[in-house]
Amino acid sequence: MNPEQIRTRIEQMMQKSPLAGLSDDVKLLIKGQLQSLLNSADLVSREEFEVQAESLRRTQARLIALEDKLNQLEQQEK
């Protein structure tokens, strides 16, 4: 998410929450804290998450295949 998207999301959350009735100063303080928290969070896009998840699935499949092959080789040695 880019900073503008973060600001938009925070605005939407503030308008829909019970915090909407607070004074402007308090809302500004909360909004600043939320924005700071979200900016410093280690977030990834949905696309990046999907790419990494697919990579993990392929790696797991290869690991299973290698374990099977190792088991077969061990059985041949016995």
PDB file of N, CA and C in Angstrom:
ATOM      1  N   MET A   1       0.839  -1.185   0.000  1.00  0.00           N
ATOM      2  CA  MET A   1       0.000   0.000   0.000  1.00  0.00           C
ATOM      3  C   MET A   1       0.875   1.236   0.000  1.00  0.00           C
ATOM      4  N   ASN A   2       0.487   2.180  -0.787  1.00  0.00           N
ATOM      5  CA  ASN A   2       1.243   3.428  -0.783  1.00  0.00           C
ATOM      6  C   ASN A   2       0.681   4.357   0.296  1.00  0.00           C
ATOM      7  N   PRO A   3       1.396   5.418   0.626  1.00  0.00           N
ATOM      8  CA  PRO A   3       0.957   6.301   1.714  1.00  0.00           C
ATOM      9  C   PRO A   3      -0.442   6.887   1.504  1.00  0.00           C
ATOM     10  N   GLU A   4      -0.788   7.193   0.271  1.00  0.00           N
ATOM     11  CA  GLU A   4      -2.121   7.760   0.011  1.00  0.00           C
ATOM     12  C   GLU A   4      -3.215   6.730   0.301  1.00  0.00           C
ATOM     13  N   GLN A   5      -2.986   5.481  -0.065  1.00  0.00           N
ATOM     14  CA  GLN A   5      -3.956   4.431   0.232  1.00  0.00           C
ATOM     15  C   GLN A   5      -4.096   4.234   1.738  1.00  0.00           C
ATOM     16  N   ILE A   6      -3.004   4.328   2.445  1.00  0.00           N
ATOM     17  CA  ILE A   6      -3.032   4.196   3.903  1.00  0.00           C
ATOM     18  C   ILE A   6      -3.852   5.324   4.507  1.00  0.00           C
ATOM     19  N   ARG A   7      -3.603   6.555   4.042  1.00  0.00           N
ATOM     20  CA  ARG A   7      -4.365   7.694   4.557  1.00  0.00           C
ATOM     21  C   ARG A   7      -5.864   7.522   4.284  1.00  0.00           C
ATOM     22  N   THR A   8      -6.204   7.058   3.084  1.00  0.00           N
ATOM     23  CA  THR A   8      -7.606   6.850   2.723  1.00  0.00           C
ATOM     24  C   THR A   8      -8.247   5.804   3.617  1.00  0.00           C
ATOM     25  N   ARG A   9      -7.547   4.695   3.847  1.00  0.00           N
ATOM     26  CA  ARG A   9      -8.075   3.637   4.721  1.00  0.00           C
ATOM     27  C   ARG A   9      -8.291   4.146   6.141  1.00  0.00           C
ATOM     28  N   ILE A  10      -7.343   4.920   6.637  1.00  0.00           N
ATOM     29  CA  ILE A  10      -7.471   5.456   7.991  1.00  0.00           C
ATOM     30  C   ILE A  10      -8.683   6.381   8.070  1.00  0.00           C
ATOM     31  N   GLU A  11      -8.874   7.229   7.063  1.00  0.00           N
ATOM     32  CA  GLU A  11     -10.034   8.115   7.027  1.00  0.00           C
ATOM     33  C   GLU A  11     -11.334   7.312   7.063  1.00  0.00           C
ATOM     34  N   GLN A  12     -11.389   6.260   6.261  1.00  0.00           N
ATOM     35  CA  GLN A  12     -12.584   5.420   6.217  1.00  0.00           C
ATOM     36  C   GLN A  12     -12.843   4.761   7.569  1.00  0.00           C
ATOM     37  N   MET A  13     -11.782   4.256   8.196  1.00  0.00           N
ATOM     38  CA  MET A  13     -11.935   3.614   9.502  1.00  0.00           C
ATOM     39  C   MET A  13     -12.419   4.619  10.542  1.00  0.00           C
ATOM     40  N   MET A  14     -11.869   5.805  10.510  1.00  0.00           N
ATOM     41  CA  MET A  14     -12.238   6.824  11.483  1.00  0.00           C
ATOM     42  C   MET A  14     -13.701   7.237  11.318  1.00  0.00           C
ATOM     43  N   GLN A  15     -14.175   7.330  10.078  1.00  0.00           N
ATOM     44  CA  GLN A  15     -15.554   7.757   9.835  1.00  0.00           C
ATOM     45  C   GLN A  15     -16.563   6.694  10.266  1.00  0.00           C
ATOM     46  N   LYS A  16     -16.199   5.439  10.158  1.00  0.00           N
ATOM     47  CA  LYS A  16     -17.120   4.344  10.464  1.00  0.00           C
ATOM     48  C   LYS A  16     -17.031   3.861  11.906  1.00  0.00           C
ATOM     49  N   SER A  17     -16.060   4.324  12.644  1.00  0.00           N
ATOM     50  CA  SER A  17     -15.842   3.810  13.997  1.00  0.00           C
ATOM     51  C   SER A  17     -16.526   4.695  15.037  1.00  0.00           C
ATOM     52  N   PRO A  18     -16.593   4.177  16.253  1.00  0.00           N
ATOM     53  CA  PRO A  18     -17.136   5.002  17.338  1.00  0.00           C
ATOM     54  C   PRO A  18     -16.273   6.236  17.619  1.00  0.00           C
ATOM     55  N   LEU A  19     -15.087   6.267  17.059  1.00  0.00           N
ATOM     56  CA  LEU A  19     -14.179   7.394  17.261  1.00  0.00           C
ATOM     57  C   LEU A  19     -14.611   8.624  16.483  1.00  0.00           C
ATOM     58  N   ALA A  20     -15.600   8.479  15.593  1.00  0.00           N
ATOM     59  CA  ALA A  20     -16.026   9.586  14.750  1.00  0.00           C
ATOM     60  C   ALA A  20     -16.538  10.770  15.567  1.00  0.00           C
ATOM     61  N   GLY A  21     -17.064  10.518  16.769  1.00  0.00           N
ATOM     62  CA  GLY A  21     -17.603  11.590  17.594  1.00  0.00           C
ATOM     63  C   GLY A  21     -16.555  12.324  18.426  1.00  0.00           C
ATOM     64  N   LEU A  22     -15.312  11.923  18.352  1.00  0.00           N
ATOM     65  CA  LEU A  22     -14.267  12.575  19.142  1.00  0.00           C
ATOM     66  C   LEU A  22     -13.903  13.939  18.564  1.00  0.00           C
ATOM     67  N   SER A  23     -13.218  14.731  19.352  1.00  0.00           N
ATOM     68  CA  SER A  23     -12.792  16.047  18.880  1.00  0.00           C
ATOM     69  C   SER A  23     -11.776  15.910  17.757  1.00  0.00           C
ATOM     70  N   ASP A  24     -11.649  16.945  16.970  1.00  0.00           N
ATOM     71  CA  ASP A  24     -10.723  16.919  15.836  1.00  0.00           C
ATOM     72  C   ASP A  24      -9.286  16.703  16.275  1.00  0.00           C
ATOM     73  N   ASP A  25      -8.913  17.271  17.425  1.00  0.00           N
ATOM     74  CA  ASP A  25      -7.544  17.100  17.926  1.00  0.00           C
ATOM     75  C   ASP A  25      -7.247  15.638  18.256  1.00  0.00           C
ATOM     76  N   VAL A  26      -8.200  14.987  18.912  1.00  0.00           N
ATOM     77  CA  VAL A  26      -8.011  13.583  19.284  1.00  0.00           C
ATOM     78  C   VAL A  26      -7.989  12.719  18.031  1.00  0.00           C
ATOM     79  N   LYS A  27      -8.898  13.010  17.081  1.00  0.00           N
ATOM     80  CA  LYS A  27      -8.921  12.251  15.826  1.00  0.00           C
ATOM     81  C   LYS A  27      -7.602  12.414  15.077  1.00  0.00           C
ATOM     82  N   LEU A  28      -7.081  13.619  15.059  1.00  0.00           N
ATOM     83  CA  LEU A  28      -5.819  13.874  14.376  1.00  0.00           C
ATOM     84  C   LEU A  28      -4.682  13.098  15.029  1.00  0.00           C
ATOM     85  N   LEU A  29      -4.667  13.055  16.345  1.00  0.00           N
ATOM     86  CA  LEU A  29      -3.644  12.314  17.077  1.00  0.00           C
ATOM     87  C   LEU A  29      -3.746  10.822  16.787  1.00  0.00           C
ATOM     88  N   ILE A  30      -4.957  10.280  16.845  1.00  0.00           N
ATOM     89  CA  ILE A  30      -5.156   8.852  16.575  1.00  0.00           C
ATOM     90  C   ILE A  30      -4.792   8.529  15.136  1.00  0.00           C
ATOM     91  N   LYS A  31      -5.214   9.390  14.220  1.00  0.00           N
ATOM     92  CA  LYS A  31      -4.917   9.185  12.802  1.00  0.00           C
ATOM     93  C   LYS A  31      -3.410   9.174  12.567  1.00  0.00           C
ATOM     94  N   GLY A  32      -2.693  10.076  13.208  1.00  0.00           N
ATOM     95  CA  GLY A  32      -1.242  10.125  13.072  1.00  0.00           C
ATOM     96  C   GLY A  32      -0.574   8.872  13.599  1.00  0.00           C
ATOM     97  N   GLN A  33      -1.062   8.390  14.736  1.00  0.00           N
ATOM     98  CA  GLN A  33      -0.504   7.174  15.318  1.00  0.00           C
ATOM     99  C   GLN A  33      -0.774   5.963  14.436  1.00  0.00           C
ATOM    100  N   LEU A  34      -2.001   5.864  13.907  1.00  0.00           N
ATOM    101  CA  LEU A  34      -2.331   4.750  13.015  1.00  0.00           C
ATOM    102  C   LEU A  34      -1.478   4.779  11.751  1.00  0.00           C
ATOM    103  N   GLN A  35      -1.329   5.964  11.175  1.00  0.00           N
ATOM    104  CA  GLN A  35      -0.537   6.085   9.962  1.00  0.00           C
ATOM    105  C   GLN A  35       0.917   5.711  10.222  1.00  0.00           C
ATOM    106  N   SER A  36       1.449   6.151  11.340  1.00  0.00           N
ATOM    107  CA  SER A  36       2.823   5.810  11.694  1.00  0.00           C
ATOM    108  C   SER A  36       2.982   4.308  11.873  1.00  0.00           C
ATOM    109  N   LEU A  37       2.022   3.687  12.547  1.00  0.00           N
ATOM    110  CA  LEU A  37       2.060   2.247  12.770  1.00  0.00           C
ATOM    111  C   LEU A  37       2.008   1.488  11.443  1.00  0.00           C
ATOM    112  N   LEU A  38       1.087   1.870  10.574  1.00  0.00           N
ATOM    113  CA  LEU A  38       0.953   1.173   9.295  1.00  0.00           C
ATOM    114  C   LEU A  38       2.152   1.402   8.381  1.00  0.00           C
ATOM    115  N   ASN A  39       2.712   2.597   8.413  1.00  0.00           N
ATOM    116  CA  ASN A  39       3.893   2.873   7.587  1.00  0.00           C
ATOM    117  C   ASN A  39       5.103   2.066   8.048  1.00  0.00           C
ATOM    118  N   SER A  40       5.215   1.838   9.345  1.00  0.00           N
ATOM    119  CA  SER A  40       6.375   1.114   9.855  1.00  0.00           C
ATOM    120  C   SER A  40       6.176  -0.396   9.849  1.00  0.00           C
ATOM    121  N   ALA A  41       4.946  -0.843   9.617  1.00  0.00           N
ATOM    122  CA  ALA A  41       4.672  -2.280   9.599  1.00  0.00           C
ATOM    123  C   ALA A  41       5.323  -2.918   8.381  1.00  0.00           C
ATOM    124  N   ASP A  42       5.683  -4.155   8.523  1.00  0.00           N
ATOM    125  CA  ASP A  42       6.335  -4.895   7.443  1.00  0.00           C
ATOM    126  C   ASP A  42       5.252  -5.584   6.614  1.00  0.00           C
ATOM    127  N   LEU A  43       4.571  -4.803   5.769  1.00  0.00           N
ATOM    128  CA  LEU A  43       3.456  -5.313   4.978  1.00  0.00           C
ATOM    129  C   LEU A  43       3.904  -5.622   3.557  1.00  0.00           C
ATOM    130  N   VAL A  44       3.267  -6.610   2.960  1.00  0.00           N
ATOM    131  CA  VAL A  44       3.519  -6.923   1.551  1.00  0.00           C
ATOM    132  C   VAL A  44       2.195  -6.877   0.809  1.00  0.00           C
ATOM    133  N   SER A  45       2.274  -6.660  -0.483  1.00  0.00           N
ATOM    134  CA  SER A  45       1.060  -6.623  -1.288  1.00  0.00           C
ATOM    135  C   SER A  45       0.495  -8.031  -1.431  1.00  0.00           C
ATOM    136  N   ARG A  46      -0.757  -8.121  -1.799  1.00  0.00           N
ATOM    137  CA  ARG A  46      -1.408  -9.410  -2.009  1.00  0.00           C
ATOM    138  C   ARG A  46      -0.688 -10.164  -3.123  1.00  0.00           C
ATOM    139  N   GLU A  47      -0.269  -9.437  -4.155  1.00  0.00           N
ATOM    140  CA  GLU A  47       0.438 -10.066  -5.276  1.00  0.00           C
ATOM    141  C   GLU A  47       1.753 -10.692  -4.807  1.00  0.00           C
ATOM    142  N   GLU A  48       2.521  -9.966  -4.024  1.00  0.00           N
ATOM    143  CA  GLU A  48       3.788 -10.492  -3.515  1.00  0.00           C
ATOM    144  C   GLU A  48       3.539 -11.702  -2.620  1.00  0.00           C
ATOM    145  N   PHE A  49       2.494 -11.633  -1.794  1.00  0.00           N
ATOM    146  CA  PHE A  49       2.144 -12.761  -0.938  1.00  0.00           C
ATOM    147  C   PHE A  49       1.837 -13.990  -1.779  1.00  0.00           C
ATOM    148  N   GLU A  50       1.045 -13.823  -2.836  1.00  0.00           N
ATOM    149  CA  GLU A  50       0.682 -14.951  -3.699  1.00  0.00           C
ATOM    150  C   GLU A  50       1.912 -15.536  -4.393  1.00  0.00           C
ATOM    151  N   VAL A  51       2.817 -14.679  -4.834  1.00  0.00           N
ATOM    152  CA  VAL A  51       4.051 -15.151  -5.477  1.00  0.00           C
ATOM    153  C   VAL A  51       4.860 -15.989  -4.493  1.00  0.00           C
ATOM    154  N   GLN A  52       5.013 -15.497  -3.269  1.00  0.00           N
ATOM    155  CA  GLN A  52       5.785 -16.222  -2.262  1.00  0.00           C
ATOM    156  C   GLN A  52       5.090 -17.526  -1.855  1.00  0.00           C
ATOM    157  N   ALA A  53       3.764 -17.500  -1.772  1.00  0.00           N
ATOM    158  CA  ALA A  53       3.017 -18.710  -1.421  1.00  0.00           C
ATOM    159  C   ALA A  53       3.183 -19.777  -2.499  1.00  0.00           C
ATOM    160  N   GLU A  54       3.137 -19.377  -3.763  1.00  0.00           N
ATOM    161  CA  GLU A  54       3.322 -20.330  -4.866  1.00  0.00           C
ATOM    162  C   GLU A  54       4.743 -20.895  -4.849  1.00  0.00           C
ATOM    163  N   SER A  55       5.713 -20.049  -4.578  1.00  0.00           N
ATOM    164  CA  SER A  55       7.096 -20.508  -4.480  1.00  0.00           C
ATOM    165  C   SER A  55       7.237 -21.536  -3.354  1.00  0.00           C
ATOM    166  N   LEU A  56       6.596 -21.285  -2.238  1.00  0.00           N
ATOM    167  CA  LEU A  56       6.631 -22.228  -1.112  1.00  0.00           C
ATOM    168  C   LEU A  56       5.969 -23.547  -1.495  1.00  0.00           C
ATOM    169  N   ARG A  57       4.835 -23.502  -2.204  1.00  0.00           N
ATOM    170  CA  ARG A  57       4.172 -24.739  -2.622  1.00  0.00           C
ATOM    171  C   ARG A  57       5.086 -25.571  -3.528  1.00  0.00           C
ATOM    172  N   ARG A  58       5.766 -24.904  -4.472  1.00  0.00           N
ATOM    173  CA  ARG A  58       6.687 -25.631  -5.371  1.00  0.00           C
ATOM    174  C   ARG A  58       7.840 -26.231  -4.579  1.00  0.00           C
ATOM    175  N   THR A  59       8.373 -25.477  -3.644  1.00  0.00           N
ATOM    176  CA  THR A  59       9.487 -25.962  -2.826  1.00  0.00           C
ATOM    177  C   THR A  59       9.059 -27.159  -1.982  1.00  0.00           C
ATOM    178  N   GLN A  60       7.871 -27.103  -1.420  1.00  0.00           N
ATOM    179  CA  GLN A  60       7.368 -28.226  -0.628  1.00  0.00           C
ATOM    180  C   GLN A  60       7.189 -29.467  -1.501  1.00  0.00           C
ATOM    181  N   ALA A  61       6.681 -29.283  -2.718  1.00  0.00           N
ATOM    182  CA  ALA A  61       6.495 -30.424  -3.623  1.00  0.00           C
ATOM    183  C   ALA A  61       7.847 -31.053  -3.968  1.00  0.00           C
ATOM    184  N   ARG A  62       8.857 -30.208  -4.218  1.00  0.00           N
ATOM    185  CA  ARG A  62      10.190 -30.725  -4.527  1.00  0.00           C
ATOM    186  C   ARG A  62      10.779 -31.458  -3.327  1.00  0.00           C
ATOM    187  N   LEU A  63      10.566 -30.927  -2.136  1.00  0.00           N
ATOM    188  CA  LEU A  63      11.069 -31.568  -0.923  1.00  0.00           C
ATOM    189  C   LEU A  63      10.439 -32.950  -0.745  1.00  0.00           C
ATOM    190  N   ILE A  64       9.139 -33.047  -0.948  1.00  0.00           N
ATOM    191  CA  ILE A  64       8.452 -34.339  -0.833  1.00  0.00           C
ATOM    192  C   ILE A  64       9.016 -35.323  -1.852  1.00  0.00           C
ATOM    193  N   ALA A  65       9.232 -34.859  -3.093  1.00  0.00           N
ATOM    194  CA  ALA A  65       9.784 -35.742  -4.128  1.00  0.00           C
ATOM    195  C   ALA A  65      11.185 -36.210  -3.751  1.00  0.00           C
ATOM    196  N   LEU A  66      11.997 -35.308  -3.220  1.00  0.00           N
ATOM    197  CA  LEU A  66      13.358 -35.682  -2.816  1.00  0.00           C
ATOM    198  C   LEU A  66      13.337 -36.654  -1.630  1.00  0.00           C
ATOM    199  N   GLU A  67      12.433 -36.447  -0.687  1.00  0.00           N
ATOM    200  CA  GLU A  67      12.323 -37.376   0.438  1.00  0.00           C
ATOM    201  C   GLU A  67      11.910 -38.764  -0.044  1.00  0.00           C
ATOM    202  N   ASP A  68      10.977 -38.816  -0.985  1.00  0.00           N
ATOM    203  CA  ASP A  68      10.566 -40.102  -1.549  1.00  0.00           C
ATOM    204  C   ASP A  68      11.737 -40.797  -2.240  1.00  0.00           C
ATOM    205  N   LYS A  69      12.491 -40.018  -2.999  1.00  0.00           N
ATOM    206  CA  LYS A  69      13.637 -40.586  -3.712  1.00  0.00           C
ATOM    207  C   LYS A  69      14.675 -41.103  -2.717  1.00  0.00           C
ATOM    208  N   LEU A  70      14.914 -40.340  -1.662  1.00  0.00           N
ATOM    209  CA  LEU A  70      15.860 -40.760  -0.630  1.00  0.00           C
ATOM    210  C   LEU A  70      15.388 -42.054   0.033  1.00  0.00           C
ATOM    211  N   ASN A  71      14.126 -42.137   0.341  1.00  0.00           N
ATOM    212  CA  ASN A  71      13.577 -43.357   0.944  1.00  0.00           C
ATOM    213  C   ASN A  71      13.755 -44.555   0.012  1.00  0.00           C
ATOM    214  N   GLN A  72      13.535 -44.354  -1.277  1.00  0.00           N
ATOM    215  CA  GLN A  72      13.727 -45.438  -2.243  1.00  0.00           C
ATOM    216  C   GLN A  72      15.180 -45.885  -2.281  1.00  0.00           C
ATOM    217  N   LEU A  73      16.105 -44.946  -2.281  1.00  0.00           N
ATOM    218  CA  LEU A  73      17.522 -45.288  -2.293  1.00  0.00           C
ATOM    219  C   LEU A  73      17.914 -46.041  -1.020  1.00  0.00           C
ATOM    220  N   GLU A  74      17.372 -45.595   0.116  1.00  0.00           N
ATOM    221  CA  GLU A  74      17.672 -46.265   1.379  1.00  0.00           C
ATOM    222  C   GLU A  74      17.138 -47.704   1.363  1.00  0.00           C
ATOM    223  N   GLN A  75      15.971 -47.899   0.781  1.00  0.00           N
ATOM    224  CA  GLN A  75      15.389 -49.234   0.693  1.00  0.00           C
ATOM    225  C   GLN A  75      16.223 -50.142  -0.212  1.00  0.00           C
ATOM    226  N   GLN A  76      16.796 -49.567  -1.260  1.00  0.00           N
ATOM    227  CA  GLN A  76      17.635 -50.368  -2.189  1.00  0.00           C
ATOM    228  C   GLN A  76      18.909 -50.819  -1.503  1.00  0.00           C
ATOM    229  N   GLU A  77      19.427 -50.009  -0.596  1.00  0.00           N
ATOM    230  CA  GLU A  77      20.675 -50.372   0.102  1.00  0.00           C
ATOM    231  C   GLU A  77      20.472 -51.497   1.096  1.00  0.00           C
ATOM    232  N   LYS A  78      19.276 -51.696   1.570  1.00  0.00           N
ATOM    233  CA  LYS A  78      19.018 -52.716   2.599  1.00  0.00           C
ATOM    234  C   LYS A  78      18.935 -54.066   2.020  1.00  0.00           C
TER     235      LYS A  78
END
